[in-house]
Amino acid sequence: MAESSRTLQARALLQQCLHARLQVRPAERDAEAQWVEIQRGLVIYVCFFKGADKDLLPKMVNTLLNVKLSETEHGKNVSILDLPGSILIIPQATLGGRVKGRSMQYHSNSGKEEGLELYSQFVTLCKKELTSNSKCAEAGVVVEHGTYGNRQVLKLDTNGPYTHLIEF
């Protein structure tokens, strides 16, 4: 099948970081805001489209964790597993938006239940991959993630605007 004729199932945006902090629950009267954070690593924004299914997830995880986009101190590009670095996964429905007139529409995105299920399984697979990698285990790197369906506040320190869009 030609690349241009296949149906898009997911989109991921990768951003290397020196530090990232994501608010997963805002402050309420009786509770402080809750945050997750990582040190040096990779922020993965992910969006699933209608028609995406769990069969796609192993390929996505393999591609995203093994692509050589993380820069070492010596300027060499390696995978996040080889760096090794932590991962922050953020659900990002806006990656599925299309401009219509002067508005954005999100009709191609998966439904809320399907998207939540795919997102949860994606996070689980990323965690499994990191914990089974001896280099990552030794370095104590982690996988953190945002909350699906919530607006979240992100604080990000990067070592360059090194952002990549990958479609599946």
N, C-alpha and C. Protein backbone atom coordinates (compact mmCIF):
# COMPACT_ATOMS: atom_id res chain seq x y z
N MET A 1 0.85 -1.18 0.00
CA MET A 1 0.00 0.00 0.00
C MET A 1 0.89 1.25 0.00
N ALA A 2 0.55 2.20 -0.79
CA ALA A 2 1.33 3.44 -0.87
C ALA A 2 1.23 4.20 0.45
N GLU A 3 2.30 4.83 0.85
CA GLU A 3 2.37 5.56 2.12
C GLU A 3 1.25 6.60 2.23
N SER A 4 0.96 7.30 1.15
CA SER A 4 -0.02 8.38 1.21
C SER A 4 -1.45 7.87 1.27
N SER A 5 -1.70 6.61 0.93
CA SER A 5 -3.07 6.12 0.90
C SER A 5 -3.47 5.39 2.18
N ARG A 6 -2.53 5.17 3.09
CA ARG A 6 -2.88 4.47 4.33
C ARG A 6 -3.64 5.41 5.27
N THR A 7 -4.43 4.83 6.14
CA THR A 7 -5.20 5.60 7.10
C THR A 7 -4.34 5.91 8.31
N LEU A 8 -4.31 7.17 8.69
CA LEU A 8 -3.55 7.60 9.85
C LEU A 8 -4.23 7.10 11.11
N GLN A 9 -3.46 6.41 11.98
CA GLN A 9 -4.02 5.85 13.21
C GLN A 9 -3.58 6.61 14.46
N ALA A 10 -2.38 7.22 14.39
CA ALA A 10 -1.87 7.93 15.56
C ALA A 10 -0.82 8.93 15.12
N ARG A 11 -0.59 9.88 15.99
CA ARG A 11 0.44 10.89 15.76
C ARG A 11 1.16 11.10 17.09
N ALA A 12 2.48 11.19 17.02
CA ALA A 12 3.27 11.44 18.23
C ALA A 12 4.24 12.58 17.95
N LEU A 13 4.42 13.41 18.93
CA LEU A 13 5.38 14.51 18.85
C LEU A 13 6.42 14.27 19.93
N LEU A 14 7.69 14.25 19.54
CA LEU A 14 8.78 13.96 20.48
C LEU A 14 9.59 15.23 20.72
N GLN A 15 9.89 15.50 21.99
CA GLN A 15 10.67 16.67 22.36
C GLN A 15 11.68 16.24 23.41
N GLN A 16 12.98 16.38 23.09
CA GLN A 16 13.97 16.05 24.11
C GLN A 16 13.94 17.13 25.18
N CYS A 17 14.28 16.73 26.41
CA CYS A 17 14.24 17.70 27.50
C CYS A 17 15.36 17.47 28.50
N LEU A 18 15.69 18.53 29.22
CA LEU A 18 16.61 18.45 30.35
C LEU A 18 15.82 18.23 31.64
N HIS A 19 14.59 18.74 31.65
CA HIS A 19 13.69 18.60 32.80
C HIS A 19 12.29 18.91 32.31
N ALA A 20 11.32 18.15 32.77
CA ALA A 20 9.92 18.42 32.42
C ALA A 20 9.06 18.14 33.65
N ARG A 21 8.07 19.00 33.84
CA ARG A 21 7.18 18.88 34.99
C ARG A 21 5.76 19.11 34.48
N LEU A 22 4.87 18.16 34.78
CA LEU A 22 3.50 18.20 34.28
C LEU A 22 2.52 18.16 35.44
N GLN A 23 1.61 19.13 35.45
CA GLN A 23 0.57 19.14 36.48
C GLN A 23 -0.52 18.16 36.05
N VAL A 24 -0.76 17.15 36.87
CA VAL A 24 -1.77 16.16 36.52
C VAL A 24 -3.09 16.37 37.26
N ARG A 25 -3.04 17.23 38.31
CA ARG A 25 -4.27 17.60 38.97
C ARG A 25 -4.11 19.00 39.53
N PRO A 26 -5.04 19.90 39.20
CA PRO A 26 -4.93 21.28 39.69
C PRO A 26 -5.18 21.36 41.20
N ALA A 27 -4.72 22.43 41.79
CA ALA A 27 -4.96 22.65 43.21
C ALA A 27 -6.45 22.81 43.45
N GLU A 28 -6.88 22.27 44.56
CA GLU A 28 -8.27 22.43 44.98
C GLU A 28 -8.24 23.02 46.38
N ARG A 29 -9.37 23.36 46.90
CA ARG A 29 -9.45 23.98 48.22
C ARG A 29 -8.63 23.26 49.28
N ASP A 30 -8.79 21.95 49.34
CA ASP A 30 -8.15 21.18 50.41
C ASP A 30 -6.92 20.39 49.97
N ALA A 31 -6.48 20.61 48.73
CA ALA A 31 -5.33 19.83 48.25
C ALA A 31 -4.47 20.67 47.30
N GLU A 32 -3.16 20.48 47.42
CA GLU A 32 -2.24 21.15 46.51
C GLU A 32 -2.30 20.49 45.14
N ALA A 33 -1.82 21.19 44.15
CA ALA A 33 -1.74 20.62 42.81
C ALA A 33 -0.82 19.41 42.83
N GLN A 34 -1.09 18.44 41.97
CA GLN A 34 -0.22 17.27 41.86
C GLN A 34 0.56 17.35 40.55
N TRP A 35 1.84 17.03 40.64
CA TRP A 35 2.74 17.10 39.50
C TRP A 35 3.48 15.78 39.34
N VAL A 36 3.86 15.47 38.10
CA VAL A 36 4.83 14.42 37.84
C VAL A 36 5.98 15.11 37.13
N GLU A 37 7.20 14.56 37.27
CA GLU A 37 8.32 15.20 36.60
C GLU A 37 9.39 14.18 36.24
N ILE A 38 10.16 14.56 35.24
CA ILE A 38 11.31 13.76 34.83
C ILE A 38 12.51 14.69 34.70
N GLN A 39 13.68 14.09 34.80
CA GLN A 39 14.90 14.82 34.50
C GLN A 39 15.19 14.57 33.02
N ARG A 40 16.42 14.54 32.63
CA ARG A 40 16.80 14.42 31.23
C ARG A 40 16.09 13.25 30.55
N GLY A 41 15.52 13.54 29.39
CA GLY A 41 14.82 12.48 28.69
C GLY A 41 14.02 12.97 27.51
N LEU A 42 12.83 12.40 27.38
CA LEU A 42 12.00 12.61 26.21
C LEU A 42 10.56 12.84 26.62
N VAL A 43 9.95 13.88 26.07
CA VAL A 43 8.52 14.11 26.24
C VAL A 43 7.85 13.58 24.99
N ILE A 44 6.86 12.71 25.18
CA ILE A 44 6.10 12.15 24.05
C ILE A 44 4.66 12.61 24.18
N TYR A 45 4.22 13.42 23.22
CA TYR A 45 2.82 13.82 23.13
C TYR A 45 2.18 12.82 22.18
N VAL A 46 1.01 12.29 22.52
CA VAL A 46 0.42 11.25 21.68
C VAL A 46 -1.08 11.49 21.47
N CYS A 47 -1.53 11.21 20.25
CA CYS A 47 -2.93 11.36 19.87
C CYS A 47 -3.33 10.15 19.03
N PHE A 48 -4.48 9.57 19.31
CA PHE A 48 -4.98 8.43 18.54
C PHE A 48 -6.17 8.87 17.70
N PHE A 49 -6.27 8.28 16.50
CA PHE A 49 -7.33 8.61 15.56
C PHE A 49 -8.36 7.49 15.49
N LYS A 50 -9.53 7.80 14.94
CA LYS A 50 -10.56 6.79 14.71
C LYS A 50 -9.95 5.64 13.91
N GLY A 51 -10.26 4.43 14.31
CA GLY A 51 -9.74 3.27 13.60
C GLY A 51 -8.46 2.71 14.18
N ALA A 52 -7.84 3.44 15.10
CA ALA A 52 -6.62 2.93 15.74
C ALA A 52 -7.01 1.77 16.65
N ASP A 53 -6.14 0.76 16.72
CA ASP A 53 -6.40 -0.34 17.64
C ASP A 53 -5.11 -0.76 18.34
N LYS A 54 -5.26 -1.64 19.32
CA LYS A 54 -4.12 -2.01 20.16
C LYS A 54 -3.00 -2.71 19.40
N ASP A 55 -3.27 -3.24 18.21
CA ASP A 55 -2.23 -3.88 17.41
C ASP A 55 -1.16 -2.89 16.98
N LEU A 56 -1.51 -1.62 16.93
CA LEU A 56 -0.59 -0.56 16.54
C LEU A 56 0.44 -0.25 17.64
N LEU A 57 0.07 -0.48 18.88
CA LEU A 57 0.86 -0.01 20.03
C LEU A 57 2.27 -0.58 20.10
N PRO A 58 2.51 -1.88 19.92
CA PRO A 58 3.89 -2.36 19.98
C PRO A 58 4.80 -1.69 18.94
N LYS A 59 4.28 -1.46 17.75
CA LYS A 59 5.07 -0.79 16.70
C LYS A 59 5.38 0.65 17.11
N MET A 60 4.38 1.34 17.65
CA MET A 60 4.58 2.72 18.09
C MET A 60 5.66 2.79 19.16
N VAL A 61 5.53 1.96 20.18
CA VAL A 61 6.47 1.97 21.30
C VAL A 61 7.87 1.65 20.79
N ASN A 62 7.99 0.63 19.96
CA ASN A 62 9.29 0.24 19.42
C ASN A 62 9.92 1.40 18.63
N THR A 63 9.14 2.02 17.78
CA THR A 63 9.65 3.14 16.97
C THR A 63 10.06 4.32 17.85
N LEU A 64 9.18 4.75 18.74
CA LEU A 64 9.42 5.95 19.53
C LEU A 64 10.57 5.79 20.53
N LEU A 65 10.73 4.60 21.08
CA LEU A 65 11.78 4.41 22.07
C LEU A 65 13.12 4.05 21.45
N ASN A 66 13.13 3.66 20.18
CA ASN A 66 14.38 3.25 19.54
C ASN A 66 14.89 4.22 18.48
N VAL A 67 14.08 5.20 18.09
CA VAL A 67 14.54 6.17 17.10
C VAL A 67 15.65 7.02 17.73
N LYS A 68 16.68 7.30 16.98
CA LYS A 68 17.86 8.01 17.50
C LYS A 68 17.68 9.52 17.43
N LEU A 69 16.99 10.06 18.44
CA LEU A 69 16.71 11.50 18.48
C LEU A 69 17.21 12.18 19.75
N SER A 70 17.77 11.41 20.66
CA SER A 70 18.25 11.98 21.92
C SER A 70 19.74 12.27 21.80
N GLU A 71 20.10 13.48 22.14
CA GLU A 71 21.48 13.92 21.95
C GLU A 71 22.32 13.68 23.21
N THR A 72 23.47 13.04 23.05
CA THR A 72 24.39 12.84 24.16
C THR A 72 25.18 14.13 24.42
N GLU A 73 25.98 14.12 25.47
CA GLU A 73 26.82 15.29 25.78
C GLU A 73 27.81 15.57 24.65
N HIS A 74 28.13 14.54 23.87
CA HIS A 74 29.10 14.67 22.78
C HIS A 74 28.45 14.96 21.43
N GLY A 75 27.12 15.20 21.43
CA GLY A 75 26.44 15.56 20.20
C GLY A 75 26.01 14.39 19.33
N LYS A 76 26.18 13.17 19.82
CA LYS A 76 25.77 11.99 19.07
C LYS A 76 24.30 11.71 19.35
N ASN A 77 23.56 11.33 18.30
CA ASN A 77 22.15 10.99 18.49
C ASN A 77 22.01 9.50 18.79
N VAL A 78 21.29 9.21 19.89
CA VAL A 78 21.02 7.84 20.31
C VAL A 78 19.54 7.72 20.67
N SER A 79 19.08 6.50 20.86
CA SER A 79 17.69 6.31 21.30
C SER A 79 17.57 6.70 22.77
N ILE A 80 16.36 6.91 23.22
CA ILE A 80 16.13 7.25 24.63
C ILE A 80 16.55 6.08 25.51
N LEU A 81 16.45 4.85 24.99
CA LEU A 81 16.86 3.66 25.75
C LEU A 81 18.38 3.61 25.89
N ASP A 82 19.10 4.07 24.86
CA ASP A 82 20.55 4.05 24.89
C ASP A 82 21.14 5.24 25.63
N LEU A 83 20.37 6.32 25.80
CA LEU A 83 20.91 7.52 26.45
C LEU A 83 21.43 7.19 27.85
N PRO A 84 20.79 6.53 28.75
CA PRO A 84 19.35 6.34 28.88
C PRO A 84 18.70 7.57 29.50
N GLY A 85 17.41 7.74 29.20
CA GLY A 85 16.69 8.89 29.72
C GLY A 85 15.28 8.53 30.13
N SER A 86 14.68 9.39 30.93
CA SER A 86 13.30 9.19 31.38
C SER A 86 12.33 9.63 30.29
N ILE A 87 11.07 9.25 30.47
CA ILE A 87 10.04 9.56 29.48
C ILE A 87 8.84 10.15 30.19
N LEU A 88 8.29 11.23 29.62
CA LEU A 88 7.04 11.81 30.09
C LEU A 88 6.06 11.73 28.93
N ILE A 89 4.97 10.99 29.14
CA ILE A 89 3.97 10.80 28.09
C ILE A 89 2.77 11.70 28.38
N ILE A 90 2.38 12.48 27.38
CA ILE A 90 1.29 13.44 27.55
C ILE A 90 0.22 13.18 26.49
N PRO A 91 -1.02 12.90 26.91
CA PRO A 91 -2.09 12.76 25.92
C PRO A 91 -2.34 14.14 25.29
N GLN A 92 -2.40 14.19 23.96
CA GLN A 92 -2.47 15.48 23.28
C GLN A 92 -3.46 15.41 22.13
N ALA A 93 -4.74 15.51 22.44
CA ALA A 93 -5.79 15.41 21.42
C ALA A 93 -5.66 16.48 20.35
N THR A 94 -5.04 17.61 20.69
CA THR A 94 -4.94 18.69 19.71
C THR A 94 -4.05 18.31 18.53
N LEU A 95 -3.24 17.27 18.66
CA LEU A 95 -2.44 16.81 17.52
C LEU A 95 -3.32 16.27 16.40
N GLY A 96 -4.57 15.99 16.71
CA GLY A 96 -5.50 15.48 15.70
C GLY A 96 -6.35 16.55 15.06
N GLY A 97 -6.07 17.80 15.34
CA GLY A 97 -6.88 18.89 14.82
C GLY A 97 -6.62 19.23 13.37
N ARG A 98 -7.66 19.72 12.72
CA ARG A 98 -7.57 20.23 11.35
C ARG A 98 -8.23 21.60 11.31
N VAL A 99 -7.62 22.48 10.52
CA VAL A 99 -8.19 23.82 10.38
C VAL A 99 -9.39 23.76 9.43
N LYS A 100 -10.50 24.34 9.87
CA LYS A 100 -11.66 24.49 9.01
C LYS A 100 -12.12 25.93 9.18
N GLY A 101 -11.91 26.70 8.12
CA GLY A 101 -12.17 28.14 8.23
C GLY A 101 -11.17 28.74 9.19
N ARG A 102 -11.70 29.35 10.25
CA ARG A 102 -10.80 29.92 11.27
C ARG A 102 -10.91 29.16 12.59
N SER A 103 -11.40 27.93 12.51
CA SER A 103 -11.56 27.09 13.71
C SER A 103 -10.79 25.80 13.55
N MET A 104 -10.61 25.12 14.67
CA MET A 104 -9.99 23.80 14.65
C MET A 104 -11.09 22.77 14.89
N GLN A 105 -11.00 21.66 14.16
CA GLN A 105 -11.94 20.57 14.36
C GLN A 105 -11.16 19.30 14.66
N TYR A 106 -11.77 18.42 15.45
CA TYR A 106 -11.10 17.22 15.91
C TYR A 106 -11.92 15.97 15.60
N HIS A 107 -12.60 15.96 14.46
CA HIS A 107 -13.49 14.86 14.09
C HIS A 107 -12.76 13.56 13.81
N SER A 108 -11.46 13.62 13.53
CA SER A 108 -10.69 12.41 13.21
C SER A 108 -10.19 11.68 14.45
N ASN A 109 -10.24 12.33 15.61
CA ASN A 109 -9.73 11.71 16.83
C ASN A 109 -10.58 10.52 17.25
N SER A 110 -9.95 9.58 17.93
CA SER A 110 -10.70 8.44 18.46
C SER A 110 -11.68 8.94 19.52
N GLY A 111 -12.67 8.13 19.80
CA GLY A 111 -13.62 8.46 20.86
C GLY A 111 -12.92 8.45 22.22
N LYS A 112 -13.55 9.06 23.22
CA LYS A 112 -12.92 9.19 24.54
C LYS A 112 -12.57 7.84 25.15
N GLU A 113 -13.49 6.88 25.11
CA GLU A 113 -13.23 5.57 25.73
C GLU A 113 -12.11 4.84 24.99
N GLU A 114 -12.17 4.84 23.66
CA GLU A 114 -11.14 4.16 22.86
C GLU A 114 -9.78 4.84 23.07
N GLY A 115 -9.78 6.16 23.07
CA GLY A 115 -8.54 6.90 23.25
C GLY A 115 -7.92 6.64 24.61
N LEU A 116 -8.74 6.62 25.65
CA LEU A 116 -8.25 6.34 27.00
C LEU A 116 -7.65 4.94 27.08
N GLU A 117 -8.31 3.96 26.49
CA GLU A 117 -7.82 2.59 26.52
C GLU A 117 -6.48 2.47 25.78
N LEU A 118 -6.39 3.07 24.60
CA LEU A 118 -5.15 3.03 23.83
C LEU A 118 -4.02 3.75 24.57
N TYR A 119 -4.34 4.90 25.13
CA TYR A 119 -3.35 5.68 25.88
C TYR A 119 -2.83 4.89 27.07
N SER A 120 -3.73 4.28 27.84
CA SER A 120 -3.33 3.50 29.01
C SER A 120 -2.44 2.33 28.62
N GLN A 121 -2.80 1.64 27.56
CA GLN A 121 -1.99 0.51 27.10
C GLN A 121 -0.64 0.99 26.57
N PHE A 122 -0.61 2.14 25.90
CA PHE A 122 0.63 2.72 25.40
C PHE A 122 1.58 3.01 26.56
N VAL A 123 1.07 3.65 27.62
CA VAL A 123 1.87 3.97 28.80
C VAL A 123 2.42 2.67 29.41
N THR A 124 1.57 1.67 29.56
CA THR A 124 1.99 0.39 30.14
C THR A 124 3.10 -0.26 29.32
N LEU A 125 2.97 -0.25 28.00
CA LEU A 125 4.01 -0.83 27.14
C LEU A 125 5.33 -0.06 27.24
N CYS A 126 5.27 1.26 27.32
CA CYS A 126 6.49 2.05 27.48
C CYS A 126 7.17 1.72 28.80
N LYS A 127 6.39 1.59 29.88
CA LYS A 127 6.96 1.24 31.19
C LYS A 127 7.63 -0.13 31.14
N LYS A 128 6.96 -1.09 30.51
CA LYS A 128 7.53 -2.44 30.39
C LYS A 128 8.85 -2.41 29.64
N GLU A 129 8.89 -1.63 28.57
CA GLU A 129 10.10 -1.55 27.76
C GLU A 129 11.26 -0.95 28.56
N LEU A 130 10.99 0.09 29.32
CA LEU A 130 12.04 0.72 30.12
C LEU A 130 12.51 -0.19 31.25
N THR A 131 11.58 -0.86 31.93
CA THR A 131 11.99 -1.71 33.06
C THR A 131 12.72 -2.96 32.59
N SER A 132 12.47 -3.40 31.37
CA SER A 132 13.17 -4.59 30.87
C SER A 132 14.52 -4.25 30.25
N ASN A 133 14.82 -2.96 30.11
CA ASN A 133 16.10 -2.52 29.54
C ASN A 133 17.11 -2.33 30.68
N SER A 134 18.17 -3.14 30.67
CA SER A 134 19.12 -3.12 31.79
C SER A 134 19.80 -1.76 31.95
N LYS A 135 20.10 -1.09 30.85
CA LYS A 135 20.76 0.22 30.92
C LYS A 135 19.84 1.24 31.62
N CYS A 136 18.56 1.19 31.30
CA CYS A 136 17.59 2.11 31.92
C CYS A 136 17.38 1.76 33.39
N ALA A 137 17.29 0.47 33.68
CA ALA A 137 17.09 0.03 35.07
C ALA A 137 18.26 0.47 35.95
N GLU A 138 19.48 0.30 35.45
CA GLU A 138 20.67 0.70 36.20
C GLU A 138 20.70 2.20 36.44
N ALA A 139 20.26 2.98 35.46
CA ALA A 139 20.30 4.44 35.56
C ALA A 139 19.14 4.99 36.38
N GLY A 140 18.15 4.16 36.66
CA GLY A 140 17.01 4.61 37.46
C GLY A 140 16.08 5.56 36.73
N VAL A 141 16.03 5.46 35.40
CA VAL A 141 15.13 6.34 34.65
C VAL A 141 13.69 5.84 34.81
N VAL A 142 12.75 6.74 34.58
CA VAL A 142 11.34 6.44 34.84
C VAL A 142 10.46 6.83 33.66
N VAL A 143 9.25 6.30 33.69
CA VAL A 143 8.20 6.73 32.77
C VAL A 143 7.12 7.38 33.62
N GLU A 144 6.83 8.64 33.34
CA GLU A 144 5.73 9.35 33.99
C GLU A 144 4.71 9.67 32.90
N HIS A 145 3.50 10.00 33.32
CA HIS A 145 2.48 10.29 32.30
C HIS A 145 1.41 11.22 32.84
N GLY A 146 0.77 11.87 31.88
CA GLY A 146 -0.32 12.77 32.20
C GLY A 146 -1.63 12.02 32.31
N THR A 147 -2.69 12.77 32.58
CA THR A 147 -4.02 12.22 32.78
C THR A 147 -4.84 12.43 31.51
N TYR A 148 -5.35 11.36 30.94
CA TYR A 148 -6.11 11.43 29.70
C TYR A 148 -7.39 12.23 29.92
N GLY A 149 -7.66 13.16 29.02
CA GLY A 149 -8.91 13.92 29.04
C GLY A 149 -8.89 15.17 29.90
N ASN A 150 -7.79 15.45 30.57
CA ASN A 150 -7.69 16.64 31.41
C ASN A 150 -6.77 17.67 30.78
N ARG A 151 -7.06 18.93 31.05
CA ARG A 151 -6.14 20.00 30.67
C ARG A 151 -5.00 19.95 31.67
N GLN A 152 -3.77 20.07 31.19
CA GLN A 152 -2.61 19.93 32.06
C GLN A 152 -1.62 21.05 31.80
N VAL A 153 -0.89 21.43 32.83
CA VAL A 153 0.10 22.49 32.74
C VAL A 153 1.48 21.84 32.62
N LEU A 154 2.26 22.29 31.63
CA LEU A 154 3.58 21.71 31.39
C LEU A 154 4.65 22.77 31.57
N LYS A 155 5.70 22.39 32.28
CA LYS A 155 6.90 23.23 32.40
C LYS A 155 8.03 22.40 31.80
N LEU A 156 8.73 22.97 30.81
CA LEU A 156 9.68 22.19 30.04
C LEU A 156 10.97 22.97 29.82
N ASP A 157 12.09 22.34 30.15
CA ASP A 157 13.40 22.90 29.85
C ASP A 157 14.03 22.01 28.81
N THR A 158 14.40 22.60 27.67
CA THR A 158 14.99 21.81 26.60
C THR A 158 16.42 22.27 26.36
N ASN A 159 17.14 21.44 25.63
CA ASN A 159 18.49 21.82 25.21
C ASN A 159 18.50 22.08 23.71
N GLY A 160 17.44 22.68 23.26
CA GLY A 160 17.31 23.04 21.85
C GLY A 160 15.93 22.70 21.34
N PRO A 161 15.42 23.44 20.40
CA PRO A 161 14.10 23.14 19.84
C PRO A 161 14.20 21.92 18.92
N TYR A 162 14.29 20.78 19.52
CA TYR A 162 14.54 19.54 18.79
C TYR A 162 13.28 18.69 18.88
N THR A 163 12.31 19.00 18.03
CA THR A 163 10.98 18.39 18.10
C THR A 163 10.71 17.63 16.81
N HIS A 164 10.16 16.42 16.93
CA HIS A 164 9.87 15.59 15.76
C HIS A 164 8.45 15.06 15.80
N LEU A 165 7.79 15.10 14.65
CA LEU A 165 6.45 14.57 14.49
C LEU A 165 6.57 13.23 13.78
N ILE A 166 5.96 12.20 14.37
CA ILE A 166 5.97 10.87 13.77
C ILE A 166 4.53 10.39 13.66
N GLU A 167 4.16 9.94 12.47
CA GLU A 167 2.79 9.47 12.23
C GLU A 167 2.79 7.96 12.01
N PHE A 168 1.71 7.33 12.47
CA PHE A 168 1.55 5.89 12.36
C PHE A 168 0.26 5.55 11.64
